[in-house]
């Protein structure tokens, strides 16, 4: 699990149909939004629905989002999806 944003050196994006780019865009987010959260997240945890690691943060326009990802290796992640969440 990523503990701080300095641990992510590479993000894998798959722009084929059904890939993670499509999953992110379905939630009105961009890959740049997700990269921003991965670089500057506020907290981390585990997704209740999938059991995958996740991070919480804000995209540049201020929306609070969660990014759910898989760890490929020590410094590479594969975002699975990301979506806007309610304020706490």
PDB file of N, CA and C in Angstrom:
ATOM      1  N   UNK A   1       0.841  -1.178   0.000  1.00  0.00           N
ATOM      2  CA  UNK A   1       0.000   0.000   0.000  1.00  0.00           C
ATOM      3  C   UNK A   1       0.889   1.245   0.000  1.00  0.00           C
ATOM      4  N   UNK A   2       0.490   2.224  -0.780  1.00  0.00           N
ATOM      5  CA  UNK A   2       1.219   3.484  -0.834  1.00  0.00           C
ATOM      6  C   UNK A   2       1.001   4.215   0.493  1.00  0.00           C
ATOM      7  N   UNK A   3       2.065   4.618   1.129  1.00  0.00           N
ATOM      8  CA  UNK A   3       1.950   5.351   2.398  1.00  0.00           C
ATOM      9  C   UNK A   3       2.167   6.849   2.196  1.00  0.00           C
ATOM     10  N   UNK A   4       2.951   7.215   1.166  1.00  0.00           N
ATOM     11  CA  UNK A   4       3.118   8.637   0.845  1.00  0.00           C
ATOM     12  C   UNK A   4       3.301   8.771  -0.659  1.00  0.00           C
ATOM     13  N   UNK A   5       3.032   9.944  -1.162  1.00  0.00           N
ATOM     14  CA  UNK A   5       2.996  10.157  -2.604  1.00  0.00           C
ATOM     15  C   UNK A   5       4.356   9.992  -3.265  1.00  0.00           C
ATOM     16  N   UNK A   6       5.423  10.039  -2.509  1.00  0.00           N
ATOM     17  CA  UNK A   6       6.757   9.902  -3.090  1.00  0.00           C
ATOM     18  C   UNK A   6       7.085   8.467  -3.462  1.00  0.00           C
ATOM     19  N   UNK A   7       6.215   7.535  -3.094  1.00  0.00           N
ATOM     20  CA  UNK A   7       6.454   6.125  -3.380  1.00  0.00           C
ATOM     21  C   UNK A   7       6.020   5.723  -4.786  1.00  0.00           C
ATOM     22  N   UNK A   8       5.267   6.565  -5.491  1.00  0.00           N
ATOM     23  CA  UNK A   8       4.762   6.217  -6.816  1.00  0.00           C
ATOM     24  C   UNK A   8       5.666   6.828  -7.882  1.00  0.00           C
ATOM     25  N   UNK A   9       6.386   5.967  -8.595  1.00  0.00           N
ATOM     26  CA  UNK A   9       7.249   6.429  -9.673  1.00  0.00           C
ATOM     27  C   UNK A   9       6.606   6.233 -11.035  1.00  0.00           C
ATOM     28  N   UNK A  10       5.709   5.251 -11.148  1.00  0.00           N
ATOM     29  CA  UNK A  10       5.101   4.952 -12.439  1.00  0.00           C
ATOM     30  C   UNK A  10       3.634   4.572 -12.265  1.00  0.00           C
ATOM     31  N   UNK A  11       2.824   5.031 -13.209  1.00  0.00           N
ATOM     32  CA  UNK A  11       1.403   4.715 -13.237  1.00  0.00           C
ATOM     33  C   UNK A  11       1.119   4.071 -14.597  1.00  0.00           C
ATOM     34  N   UNK A  12       0.468   2.929 -14.585  1.00  0.00           N
ATOM     35  CA  UNK A  12       0.155   2.227 -15.819  1.00  0.00           C
ATOM     36  C   UNK A  12      -1.257   2.594 -16.268  1.00  0.00           C
ATOM     37  N   UNK A  13      -1.349   3.107 -17.491  1.00  0.00           N
ATOM     38  CA  UNK A  13      -2.641   3.463 -18.083  1.00  0.00           C
ATOM     39  C   UNK A  13      -2.917   2.574 -19.278  1.00  0.00           C
ATOM     40  N   UNK A  14      -4.127   2.047 -19.363  1.00  0.00           N
ATOM     41  CA  UNK A  14      -4.561   1.173 -20.454  1.00  0.00           C
ATOM     42  C   UNK A  14      -5.715   1.863 -21.162  1.00  0.00           C
ATOM     43  N   UNK A  15      -5.457   2.372 -22.381  1.00  0.00           N
ATOM     44  CA  UNK A  15      -6.509   3.100 -23.097  1.00  0.00           C
ATOM     45  C   UNK A  15      -7.281   2.229 -24.086  1.00  0.00           C
ATOM     46  N   UNK A  16      -7.139   0.906 -23.975  1.00  0.00           N
ATOM     47  CA  UNK A  16      -7.941   0.026 -24.817  1.00  0.00           C
ATOM     48  C   UNK A  16      -9.367  -0.029 -24.268  1.00  0.00           C
ATOM     49  N   UNK A  17     -10.344  -0.415 -25.101  1.00  0.00           N
ATOM     50  CA  UNK A  17     -11.726  -0.507 -24.606  1.00  0.00           C
ATOM     51  C   UNK A  17     -11.810  -1.387 -23.356  1.00  0.00           C
ATOM     52  N   UNK A  18     -12.471  -0.878 -22.329  1.00  0.00           N
ATOM     53  CA  UNK A  18     -12.595  -1.586 -21.062  1.00  0.00           C
ATOM     54  C   UNK A  18     -11.417  -1.406 -20.133  1.00  0.00           C
ATOM     55  N   UNK A  19     -10.404  -0.636 -20.563  1.00  0.00           N
ATOM     56  CA  UNK A  19      -9.229  -0.406 -19.733  1.00  0.00           C
ATOM     57  C   UNK A  19      -9.485   0.617 -18.642  1.00  0.00           C
ATOM     58  N   UNK A  20      -8.450   0.883 -17.861  1.00  0.00           N
ATOM     59  CA  UNK A  20      -8.629   1.778 -16.715  1.00  0.00           C
ATOM     60  C   UNK A  20      -8.881   3.234 -17.118  1.00  0.00           C
ATOM     61  N   UNK A  21      -8.418   3.647 -18.289  1.00  0.00           N
ATOM     62  CA  UNK A  21      -8.713   5.009 -18.749  1.00  0.00           C
ATOM     63  C   UNK A  21     -10.224   5.164 -18.910  1.00  0.00           C
ATOM     64  N   UNK A  22     -10.854   4.190 -19.530  1.00  0.00           N
ATOM     65  CA  UNK A  22     -12.302   4.223 -19.717  1.00  0.00           C
ATOM     66  C   UNK A  22     -13.040   4.239 -18.379  1.00  0.00           C
ATOM     67  N   UNK A  23     -12.581   3.428 -17.425  1.00  0.00           N
ATOM     68  CA  UNK A  23     -13.240   3.382 -16.110  1.00  0.00           C
ATOM     69  C   UNK A  23     -13.170   4.743 -15.414  1.00  0.00           C
ATOM     70  N   UNK A  24     -12.045   5.406 -15.514  1.00  0.00           N
ATOM     71  CA  UNK A  24     -11.875   6.724 -14.894  1.00  0.00           C
ATOM     72  C   UNK A  24     -12.768   7.749 -15.594  1.00  0.00           C
ATOM     73  N   UNK A  25     -12.761   7.744 -16.918  1.00  0.00           N
ATOM     74  CA  UNK A  25     -13.548   8.724 -17.678  1.00  0.00           C
ATOM     75  C   UNK A  25     -15.042   8.541 -17.473  1.00  0.00           C
ATOM     76  N   UNK A  26     -15.488   7.320 -17.176  1.00  0.00           N
ATOM     77  CA  UNK A  26     -16.908   7.074 -16.890  1.00  0.00           C
ATOM     78  C   UNK A  26     -17.382   7.847 -15.666  1.00  0.00           C
ATOM     79  N   UNK A  27     -16.441   8.266 -14.822  1.00  0.00           N
ATOM     80  CA  UNK A  27     -16.774   8.995 -13.595  1.00  0.00           C
ATOM     81  C   UNK A  27     -16.414  10.473 -13.695  1.00  0.00           C
ATOM     82  N   UNK A  28     -16.334  10.974 -14.936  1.00  0.00           N
ATOM     83  CA  UNK A  28     -16.070  12.393 -15.197  1.00  0.00           C
ATOM     84  C   UNK A  28     -14.728  12.845 -14.633  1.00  0.00           C
ATOM     85  N   UNK A  29     -13.733  11.951 -14.715  1.00  0.00           N
ATOM     86  CA  UNK A  29     -12.374  12.268 -14.302  1.00  0.00           C
ATOM     87  C   UNK A  29     -11.433  11.979 -15.462  1.00  0.00           C
ATOM     88  N   UNK A  30     -10.227  12.524 -15.383  1.00  0.00           N
ATOM     89  CA  UNK A  30      -9.213  12.279 -16.400  1.00  0.00           C
ATOM     90  C   UNK A  30      -8.034  11.545 -15.775  1.00  0.00           C
ATOM     91  N   UNK A  31      -7.159  11.042 -16.628  1.00  0.00           N
ATOM     92  CA  UNK A  31      -5.947  10.420 -16.105  1.00  0.00           C
ATOM     93  C   UNK A  31      -5.092  11.455 -15.379  1.00  0.00           C
ATOM     94  N   UNK A  32      -5.109  12.695 -15.844  1.00  0.00           N
ATOM     95  CA  UNK A  32      -4.373  13.761 -15.140  1.00  0.00           C
ATOM     96  C   UNK A  32      -4.931  13.973 -13.742  1.00  0.00           C
ATOM     97  N   UNK A  33      -6.274  13.902 -13.591  1.00  0.00           N
ATOM     98  CA  UNK A  33      -6.882  14.024 -12.264  1.00  0.00           C
ATOM     99  C   UNK A  33      -6.363  12.931 -11.338  1.00  0.00           C
ATOM    100  N   UNK A  34      -6.355  11.708 -11.836  1.00  0.00           N
ATOM    101  CA  UNK A  34      -5.906  10.570 -11.022  1.00  0.00           C
ATOM    102  C   UNK A  34      -4.426  10.709 -10.686  1.00  0.00           C
ATOM    103  N   UNK A  35      -3.617  11.079 -11.674  1.00  0.00           N
ATOM    104  CA  UNK A  35      -2.193  11.296 -11.407  1.00  0.00           C
ATOM    105  C   UNK A  35      -2.000  12.346 -10.324  1.00  0.00           C
ATOM    106  N   UNK A  36      -2.796  13.413 -10.368  1.00  0.00           N
ATOM    107  CA  UNK A  36      -2.704  14.486  -9.366  1.00  0.00           C
ATOM    108  C   UNK A  36      -2.985  13.936  -7.965  1.00  0.00           C
ATOM    109  N   UNK A  37      -4.035  13.127  -7.834  1.00  0.00           N
ATOM    110  CA  UNK A  37      -4.363  12.556  -6.522  1.00  0.00           C
ATOM    111  C   UNK A  37      -3.260  11.607  -6.057  1.00  0.00           C
ATOM    112  N   UNK A  38      -2.738  10.801  -6.957  1.00  0.00           N
ATOM    113  CA  UNK A  38      -1.656   9.890  -6.576  1.00  0.00           C
ATOM    114  C   UNK A  38      -0.412  10.646  -6.125  1.00  0.00           C
ATOM    115  N   UNK A  39      -0.194  11.834  -6.674  1.00  0.00           N
ATOM    116  CA  UNK A  39       0.976  12.642  -6.311  1.00  0.00           C
ATOM    117  C   UNK A  39       0.759  13.461  -5.038  1.00  0.00           C
ATOM    118  N   UNK A  40      -0.503  13.675  -4.645  1.00  0.00           N
ATOM    119  CA  UNK A  40      -0.755  14.595  -3.514  1.00  0.00           C
ATOM    120  C   UNK A  40      -1.945  14.153  -2.662  1.00  0.00           C
ATOM    121  N   UNK A  41      -2.088  12.866  -2.439  1.00  0.00           N
ATOM    122  CA  UNK A  41      -3.262  12.391  -1.692  1.00  0.00           C
ATOM    123  C   UNK A  41      -3.209  12.795  -0.223  1.00  0.00           C
ATOM    124  N   UNK A  42      -4.408  12.813   0.373  1.00  0.00           N
ATOM    125  CA  UNK A  42      -4.564  13.222   1.771  1.00  0.00           C
ATOM    126  C   UNK A  42      -4.515  12.037   2.732  1.00  0.00           C
ATOM    127  N   UNK A  43      -5.024  10.880   2.295  1.00  0.00           N
ATOM    128  CA  UNK A  43      -5.029   9.697   3.154  1.00  0.00           C
ATOM    129  C   UNK A  43      -5.109   8.444   2.287  1.00  0.00           C
ATOM    130  N   UNK A  44      -4.896   7.298   2.904  1.00  0.00           N
ATOM    131  CA  UNK A  44      -4.934   6.026   2.187  1.00  0.00           C
ATOM    132  C   UNK A  44      -5.744   5.031   2.982  1.00  0.00           C
ATOM    133  N   UNK A  45      -6.140   3.958   2.328  1.00  0.00           N
ATOM    134  CA  UNK A  45      -6.929   2.939   3.006  1.00  0.00           C
ATOM    135  C   UNK A  45      -7.121   1.734   2.114  1.00  0.00           C
ATOM    136  N   UNK A  46      -8.164   0.964   2.428  1.00  0.00           N
ATOM    137  CA  UNK A  46      -8.525  -0.225   1.670  1.00  0.00           C
ATOM    138  C   UNK A  46      -9.986  -0.066   1.248  1.00  0.00           C
ATOM    139  N   UNK A  47     -10.259  -0.338  -0.026  1.00  0.00           N
ATOM    140  CA  UNK A  47     -11.633  -0.271  -0.531  1.00  0.00           C
ATOM    141  C   UNK A  47     -12.497  -1.315   0.168  1.00  0.00           C
ATOM    142  N   UNK A  48     -13.644  -0.898   0.673  1.00  0.00           N
ATOM    143  CA  UNK A  48     -14.547  -1.835   1.336  1.00  0.00           C
ATOM    144  C   UNK A  48     -15.154  -2.828   0.353  1.00  0.00           C
ATOM    145  N   UNK A  49     -15.373  -2.392  -0.890  1.00  0.00           N
ATOM    146  CA  UNK A  49     -16.046  -3.270  -1.850  1.00  0.00           C
ATOM    147  C   UNK A  49     -15.091  -4.247  -2.538  1.00  0.00           C
ATOM    148  N   UNK A  50     -13.866  -3.815  -2.834  1.00  0.00           N
ATOM    149  CA  UNK A  50     -12.953  -4.686  -3.587  1.00  0.00           C
ATOM    150  C   UNK A  50     -11.798  -5.244  -2.755  1.00  0.00           C
ATOM    151  N   UNK A  51     -11.508  -4.615  -1.620  1.00  0.00           N
ATOM    152  CA  UNK A  51     -10.363  -5.033  -0.814  1.00  0.00           C
ATOM    153  C   UNK A  51      -9.031  -4.539  -1.360  1.00  0.00           C
ATOM    154  N   UNK A  52      -9.086  -3.713  -2.415  1.00  0.00           N
ATOM    155  CA  UNK A  52      -7.856  -3.162  -2.996  1.00  0.00           C
ATOM    156  C   UNK A  52      -7.432  -1.908  -2.230  1.00  0.00           C
ATOM    157  N   UNK A  53      -6.148  -1.569  -2.318  1.00  0.00           N
ATOM    158  CA  UNK A  53      -5.702  -0.323  -1.697  1.00  0.00           C
ATOM    159  C   UNK A  53      -6.297   0.879  -2.427  1.00  0.00           C
ATOM    160  N   UNK A  54      -6.433   1.984  -1.709  1.00  0.00           N
ATOM    161  CA  UNK A  54      -6.969   3.202  -2.301  1.00  0.00           C
ATOM    162  C   UNK A  54      -6.373   4.422  -1.613  1.00  0.00           C
ATOM    163  N   UNK A  55      -6.462   5.550  -2.303  1.00  0.00           N
ATOM    164  CA  UNK A  55      -6.047   6.832  -1.738  1.00  0.00           C
ATOM    165  C   UNK A  55      -7.169   7.836  -1.952  1.00  0.00           C
ATOM    166  N   UNK A  56      -7.226   8.819  -1.059  1.00  0.00           N
ATOM    167  CA  UNK A  56      -8.236   9.870  -1.102  1.00  0.00           C
ATOM    168  C   UNK A  56      -7.542  11.209  -1.282  1.00  0.00           C
ATOM    169  N   UNK A  57      -8.098  12.041  -2.126  1.00  0.00           N
ATOM    170  CA  UNK A  57      -7.510  13.359  -2.339  1.00  0.00           C
ATOM    171  C   UNK A  57      -8.427  14.235  -3.161  1.00  0.00           C
ATOM    172  N   UNK A  58      -7.882  15.366  -3.577  1.00  0.00           N
ATOM    173  CA  UNK A  58      -8.655  16.335  -4.358  1.00  0.00           C
ATOM    174  C   UNK A  58      -8.023  16.516  -5.728  1.00  0.00           C
ATOM    175  N   UNK A  59      -8.908  16.607  -6.720  1.00  0.00           N
ATOM    176  CA  UNK A  59      -8.446  16.936  -8.069  1.00  0.00           C
ATOM    177  C   UNK A  59      -8.308  18.451  -8.147  1.00  0.00           C
ATOM    178  N   UNK A  60      -7.641  18.987  -9.172  1.00  0.00           N
ATOM    179  CA  UNK A  60      -7.396  20.436  -9.225  1.00  0.00           C
ATOM    180  C   UNK A  60      -8.646  21.316  -9.115  1.00  0.00           C
ATOM    181  N   UNK A  61      -9.816  20.812  -9.554  1.00  0.00           N
ATOM    182  CA  UNK A  61     -11.021  21.647  -9.446  1.00  0.00           C
ATOM    183  C   UNK A  61     -11.678  21.563  -8.072  1.00  0.00           C
ATOM    184  N   UNK A  62     -11.058  20.827  -7.133  1.00  0.00           N
ATOM    185  CA  UNK A  62     -11.531  20.790  -5.753  1.00  0.00           C
ATOM    186  C   UNK A  62     -12.383  19.600  -5.385  1.00  0.00           C
ATOM    187  N   UNK A  63     -12.821  18.813  -6.357  1.00  0.00           N
ATOM    188  CA  UNK A  63     -13.633  17.641  -6.022  1.00  0.00           C
ATOM    189  C   UNK A  63     -12.790  16.635  -5.244  1.00  0.00           C
ATOM    190  N   UNK A  64     -13.429  16.009  -4.263  1.00  0.00           N
ATOM    191  CA  UNK A  64     -12.764  14.973  -3.463  1.00  0.00           C
ATOM    192  C   UNK A  64     -13.026  13.633  -4.143  1.00  0.00           C
ATOM    193  N   UNK A  65     -11.955  12.877  -4.384  1.00  0.00           N
ATOM    194  CA  UNK A  65     -12.093  11.601  -5.082  1.00  0.00           C
ATOM    195  C   UNK A  65     -11.320  10.504  -4.362  1.00  0.00           C
ATOM    196  N   UNK A  66     -11.691   9.275  -4.693  1.00  0.00           N
ATOM    197  CA  UNK A  66     -10.950   8.101  -4.253  1.00  0.00           C
ATOM    198  C   UNK A  66     -10.385   7.436  -5.501  1.00  0.00           C
ATOM    199  N   UNK A  67      -9.146   6.997  -5.407  1.00  0.00           N
ATOM    200  CA  UNK A  67      -8.497   6.243  -6.480  1.00  0.00           C
ATOM    201  C   UNK A  67      -8.218   4.843  -5.941  1.00  0.00           C
ATOM    202  N   UNK A  68      -8.788   3.853  -6.597  1.00  0.00           N
ATOM    203  CA  UNK A  68      -8.577   2.467  -6.215  1.00  0.00           C
ATOM    204  C   UNK A  68      -7.570   1.887  -7.197  1.00  0.00           C
ATOM    205  N   UNK A  69      -6.584   1.187  -6.693  1.00  0.00           N
ATOM    206  CA  UNK A  69      -5.481   0.758  -7.547  1.00  0.00           C
ATOM    207  C   UNK A  69      -4.973  -0.630  -7.152  1.00  0.00           C
ATOM    208  N   UNK A  70      -4.154  -1.188  -8.042  1.00  0.00           N
ATOM    209  CA  UNK A  70      -3.412  -2.410  -7.753  1.00  0.00           C
ATOM    210  C   UNK A  70      -1.938  -2.049  -7.725  1.00  0.00           C
ATOM    211  N   UNK A  71      -1.197  -2.640  -6.821  1.00  0.00           N
ATOM    212  CA  UNK A  71       0.247  -2.445  -6.777  1.00  0.00           C
ATOM    213  C   UNK A  71       0.906  -3.438  -7.724  1.00  0.00           C
ATOM    214  N   UNK A  72       1.640  -2.927  -8.691  1.00  0.00           N
ATOM    215  CA  UNK A  72       2.342  -3.786  -9.647  1.00  0.00           C
ATOM    216  C   UNK A  72       3.687  -4.203  -9.071  1.00  0.00           C
ATOM    217  N   UNK A  73       4.390  -3.243  -8.496  1.00  0.00           N
ATOM    218  CA  UNK A  73       5.624  -3.505  -7.765  1.00  0.00           C
ATOM    219  C   UNK A  73       5.791  -2.393  -6.743  1.00  0.00           C
ATOM    220  N   UNK A  74       6.958  -2.280  -6.159  1.00  0.00           N
ATOM    221  CA  UNK A  74       7.153  -1.337  -5.055  1.00  0.00           C
ATOM    222  C   UNK A  74       6.882   0.123  -5.405  1.00  0.00           C
ATOM    223  N   UNK A  75       7.036   0.504  -6.668  1.00  0.00           N
ATOM    224  CA  UNK A  75       6.841   1.909  -7.014  1.00  0.00           C
ATOM    225  C   UNK A  75       5.970   2.128  -8.250  1.00  0.00           C
ATOM    226  N   UNK A  76       5.208   1.097  -8.650  1.00  0.00           N
ATOM    227  CA  UNK A  76       4.335   1.192  -9.820  1.00  0.00           C
ATOM    228  C   UNK A  76       2.920   0.789  -9.436  1.00  0.00           C
ATOM    229  N   UNK A  77       1.949   1.591  -9.860  1.00  0.00           N
ATOM    230  CA  UNK A  77       0.549   1.277  -9.588  1.00  0.00           C
ATOM    231  C   UNK A  77      -0.245   1.238 -10.879  1.00  0.00           C
ATOM    232  N   UNK A  78      -1.326   0.478 -10.841  1.00  0.00           N
ATOM    233  CA  UNK A  78      -2.290   0.390 -11.925  1.00  0.00           C
ATOM    234  C   UNK A  78      -3.627   0.841 -11.360  1.00  0.00           C
ATOM    235  N   UNK A  79      -4.051   2.083 -11.657  1.00  0.00           N
ATOM    236  CA  UNK A  79      -5.361   2.521 -11.183  1.00  0.00           C
ATOM    237  C   UNK A  79      -6.452   1.620 -11.768  1.00  0.00           C
ATOM    238  N   UNK A  80      -7.359   1.184 -10.934  1.00  0.00           N
ATOM    239  CA  UNK A  80      -8.477   0.354 -11.385  1.00  0.00           C
ATOM    240  C   UNK A  80      -9.656   1.252 -11.728  1.00  0.00           C
ATOM    241  N   UNK A  81      -9.951   2.181 -10.852  1.00  0.00           N
ATOM    242  CA  UNK A  81     -11.008   3.153 -11.076  1.00  0.00           C
ATOM    243  C   UNK A  81     -10.799   4.331 -10.138  1.00  0.00           C
ATOM    244  N   UNK A  82     -11.569   5.365 -10.362  1.00  0.00           N
ATOM    245  CA  UNK A  82     -11.562   6.544  -9.488  1.00  0.00           C
ATOM    246  C   UNK A  82     -12.921   7.208  -9.625  1.00  0.00           C
ATOM    247  N   UNK A  83     -13.393   7.798  -8.537  1.00  0.00           N
ATOM    248  CA  UNK A  83     -14.693   8.462  -8.598  1.00  0.00           C
ATOM    249  C   UNK A  83     -14.807   9.474  -7.479  1.00  0.00           C
ATOM    250  N   UNK A  84     -15.734  10.405  -7.680  1.00  0.00           N
ATOM    251  CA  UNK A  84     -15.977  11.459  -6.712  1.00  0.00           C
ATOM    252  C   UNK A  84     -16.684  10.885  -5.486  1.00  0.00           C
ATOM    253  N   UNK A  85     -16.332  11.399  -4.316  1.00  0.00           N
ATOM    254  CA  UNK A  85     -16.971  10.971  -3.075  1.00  0.00           C
ATOM    255  C   UNK A  85     -17.495  12.194  -2.332  1.00  0.00           C
ATOM    256  N   UNK A  86     -18.432  11.948  -1.441  1.00  0.00           N
ATOM    257  CA  UNK A  86     -19.000  13.023  -0.641  1.00  0.00           C
ATOM    258  C   UNK A  86     -17.984  13.544   0.364  1.00  0.00           C
ATOM    259  N   UNK A  87     -18.141  14.790   0.721  1.00  0.00           N
ATOM    260  CA  UNK A  87     -17.329  15.370   1.784  1.00  0.00           C
ATOM    261  C   UNK A  87     -17.673  14.682   3.096  1.00  0.00           C
ATOM    262  N   UNK A  88     -16.698  14.568   3.948  1.00  0.00           N
ATOM    263  CA  UNK A  88     -16.938  13.968   5.280  1.00  0.00           C
ATOM    264  C   UNK A  88     -17.400  15.005   6.251  1.00  0.00           C
TER     265      UNK A  88
END
